[in-house]
Amino acid sequence: MTDSLVLDIGGDIGALVIHTEPELAETEIELSPVGATTRSHNVVHPRHHGSGVTHSAVFPQLTAGTYTVWRDAVTPHGTVTVTGGQVAEYQMRSHGTAS
């Protein structure tokens, strides 16, 4: 079985895929525009593809800009820039920093 997603991106709307370790499966990852207090969240799911299974949270429609990825409610993990019309990717490790 292969998973697929449909993304509606273009103009100033992009998408973000946050790749994680399997240990984060079914946990929520929060994201906020840098400097903002409002957050959105998405759940890490296993994604099946031809070469195996990976784990990721997908934010399918984000306004272009720089976002903080949160490790927990008070600790930022890092930042990522989303560009309109493109899919940004972020590597999140449960222990350590982004890569």
C-alpha atoms as a PDB file:
ATOM      1  CA  MET A   1       0.000   0.000   0.000  1.00  0.00           C
ATOM      2  CA  THR A   2       1.301   3.481  -0.875  1.00  0.00           C
ATOM      3  CA  ASP A   3       0.113   6.682   0.795  1.00  0.00           C
ATOM      4  CA  SER A   4      -0.544   9.779  -1.246  1.00  0.00           C
ATOM      5  CA  LEU A   5      -1.463  13.351  -0.424  1.00  0.00           C
ATOM      6  CA  VAL A   6      -3.027  16.080  -2.496  1.00  0.00           C
ATOM      7  CA  LEU A   7      -1.649  19.552  -1.807  1.00  0.00           C
ATOM      8  CA  ASP A   8      -3.326  22.764  -2.952  1.00  0.00           C
ATOM      9  CA  ILE A   9      -0.328  25.089  -3.159  1.00  0.00           C
ATOM     10  CA  GLY A  10       0.516  28.075  -5.306  1.00  0.00           C
ATOM     11  CA  GLY A  11       0.795  31.837  -5.082  1.00  0.00           C
ATOM     12  CA  ASP A  12       1.751  32.595  -1.483  1.00  0.00           C
ATOM     13  CA  ILE A  13       0.626  29.165  -0.204  1.00  0.00           C
ATOM     14  CA  GLY A  14       3.141  26.369   0.363  1.00  0.00           C
ATOM     15  CA  ALA A  15       3.241  23.110   2.312  1.00  0.00           C
ATOM     16  CA  LEU A  16       5.526  21.607   4.941  1.00  0.00           C
ATOM     17  CA  VAL A  17       6.526  18.007   5.619  1.00  0.00           C
ATOM     18  CA  ILE A  18       8.164  17.372   8.987  1.00  0.00           C
ATOM     19  CA  HIS A  19      10.069  14.070   8.965  1.00  0.00           C
ATOM     20  CA  THR A  20      10.424  12.354  12.348  1.00  0.00           C
ATOM     21  CA  GLU A  21      11.627   9.208  14.002  1.00  0.00           C
ATOM     22  CA  PRO A  22       9.126   6.328  14.384  1.00  0.00           C
ATOM     23  CA  GLU A  23       8.973   6.998  18.147  1.00  0.00           C
ATOM     24  CA  LEU A  24       6.986  10.181  17.429  1.00  0.00           C
ATOM     25  CA  ALA A  25       4.203   8.315  15.586  1.00  0.00           C
ATOM     26  CA  GLU A  26       0.729   9.543  16.568  1.00  0.00           C
ATOM     27  CA  THR A  27       2.077  12.542  18.495  1.00  0.00           C
ATOM     28  CA  GLU A  28       1.174  16.131  17.649  1.00  0.00           C
ATOM     29  CA  ILE A  29       3.699  18.612  16.346  1.00  0.00           C
ATOM     30  CA  GLU A  30       2.935  22.291  16.776  1.00  0.00           C
ATOM     31  CA  LEU A  31       3.935  25.056  14.399  1.00  0.00           C
ATOM     32  CA  SER A  32       3.591  28.840  14.585  1.00  0.00           C
ATOM     33  CA  PRO A  33       4.666  31.792  12.469  1.00  0.00           C
ATOM     34  CA  VAL A  34       7.831  33.247  14.040  1.00  0.00           C
ATOM     35  CA  GLY A  35       6.796  35.792  16.659  1.00  0.00           C
ATOM     36  CA  ALA A  36       3.131  34.742  16.688  1.00  0.00           C
ATOM     37  CA  THR A  37       1.271  33.170  19.593  1.00  0.00           C
ATOM     38  CA  THR A  38      -1.239  31.199  17.534  1.00  0.00           C
ATOM     39  CA  ARG A  39      -0.230  27.662  16.650  1.00  0.00           C
ATOM     40  CA  SER A  40      -1.435  24.969  14.323  1.00  0.00           C
ATOM     41  CA  HIS A  41      -0.769  21.297  14.842  1.00  0.00           C
ATOM     42  CA  ASN A  42      -0.725  18.055  12.970  1.00  0.00           C
ATOM     43  CA  VAL A  43      -0.198  14.421  13.916  1.00  0.00           C
ATOM     44  CA  VAL A  44       2.796  12.312  12.881  1.00  0.00           C
ATOM     45  CA  HIS A  45       1.650   9.338  10.809  1.00  0.00           C
ATOM     46  CA  PRO A  46       3.499   6.456   9.180  1.00  0.00           C
ATOM     47  CA  ARG A  47       3.722   7.035   5.417  1.00  0.00           C
ATOM     48  CA  HIS A  48       3.981   3.940   3.225  1.00  0.00           C
ATOM     49  CA  HIS A  49       5.874   4.126  -0.060  1.00  0.00           C
ATOM     50  CA  GLY A  50       7.802   1.899  -2.420  1.00  0.00           C
ATOM     51  CA  SER A  51      10.996   1.850  -0.359  1.00  0.00           C
ATOM     52  CA  GLY A  52       9.377   1.327   3.041  1.00  0.00           C
ATOM     53  CA  VAL A  53       7.768   3.420   5.746  1.00  0.00           C
ATOM     54  CA  THR A  54       8.691   6.882   6.978  1.00  0.00           C
ATOM     55  CA  HIS A  55       7.041   9.003   9.665  1.00  0.00           C
ATOM     56  CA  SER A  56       5.958  12.574   9.099  1.00  0.00           C
ATOM     57  CA  ALA A  57       3.502  15.321   9.891  1.00  0.00           C
ATOM     58  CA  VAL A  58       2.186  17.204   6.867  1.00  0.00           C
ATOM     59  CA  PHE A  59       0.984  20.789   6.959  1.00  0.00           C
ATOM     60  CA  PRO A  60      -0.731  20.913   3.553  1.00  0.00           C
ATOM     61  CA  GLN A  61      -1.497  24.626   3.280  1.00  0.00           C
ATOM     62  CA  LEU A  62       0.651  27.329   4.905  1.00  0.00           C
ATOM     63  CA  THR A  63       1.101  30.982   4.039  1.00  0.00           C
ATOM     64  CA  ALA A  64       4.663  31.670   2.923  1.00  0.00           C
ATOM     65  CA  GLY A  65       6.895  32.722   5.806  1.00  0.00           C
ATOM     66  CA  THR A  66       9.171  31.490   8.564  1.00  0.00           C
ATOM     67  CA  TYR A  67       7.736  29.155  11.183  1.00  0.00           C
ATOM     68  CA  THR A  68       8.819  27.877  14.582  1.00  0.00           C
ATOM     69  CA  VAL A  69       8.582  24.104  15.018  1.00  0.00           C
ATOM     70  CA  TRP A  70       7.869  23.343  18.683  1.00  0.00           C
ATOM     71  CA  ARG A  71       9.485  20.454  20.563  1.00  0.00           C
ATOM     72  CA  ASP A  72       6.867  20.815  23.327  1.00  0.00           C
ATOM     73  CA  ALA A  73       4.530  23.513  24.645  1.00  0.00           C
ATOM     74  CA  VAL A  74       7.357  25.862  25.657  1.00  0.00           C
ATOM     75  CA  THR A  75      10.524  24.713  23.840  1.00  0.00           C
ATOM     76  CA  PRO A  76      11.192  25.556  20.195  1.00  0.00           C
ATOM     77  CA  HIS A  77      12.877  22.837  18.157  1.00  0.00           C
ATOM     78  CA  GLY A  78      13.914  25.084  15.261  1.00  0.00           C
ATOM     79  CA  THR A  79      12.644  27.189  12.385  1.00  0.00           C
ATOM     80  CA  VAL A  80      11.737  26.467   8.794  1.00  0.00           C
ATOM     81  CA  THR A  81      10.895  28.728   5.860  1.00  0.00           C
ATOM     82  CA  VAL A  82       7.882  27.939   3.698  1.00  0.00           C
ATOM     83  CA  THR A  83       7.835  29.354   0.168  1.00  0.00           C
ATOM     84  CA  GLY A  84       4.651  29.793  -1.845  1.00  0.00           C
ATOM     85  CA  GLY A  85       4.102  27.107  -4.463  1.00  0.00           C
ATOM     86  CA  GLN A  86       6.676  24.763  -2.921  1.00  0.00           C
ATOM     87  CA  VAL A  87       6.906  21.965  -0.374  1.00  0.00           C
ATOM     88  CA  ALA A  88       9.394  22.636   2.427  1.00  0.00           C
ATOM     89  CA  GLU A  89      10.888  19.766   4.417  1.00  0.00           C
ATOM     90  CA  TYR A  90      12.155  19.696   7.993  1.00  0.00           C
ATOM     91  CA  GLN A  91      13.982  16.892   9.797  1.00  0.00           C
ATOM     92  CA  MET A  92      12.907  16.611  13.420  1.00  0.00           C
ATOM     93  CA  ARG A  93      14.727  14.358  15.816  1.00  0.00           C
ATOM     94  CA  SER A  94      13.218  13.633  19.224  1.00  0.00           C
ATOM     95  CA  HIS A  95      16.612  14.135  20.895  1.00  0.00           C
ATOM     96  CA  GLY A  96      18.877  16.795  19.519  1.00  0.00           C
ATOM     97  CA  THR A  97      18.425  19.397  16.836  1.00  0.00           C
ATOM     98  CA  ALA A  98      16.959  19.595  13.387  1.00  0.00           C
ATOM     99  CA  SER A  99      19.003  18.394  10.466  1.00  0.00           C
END
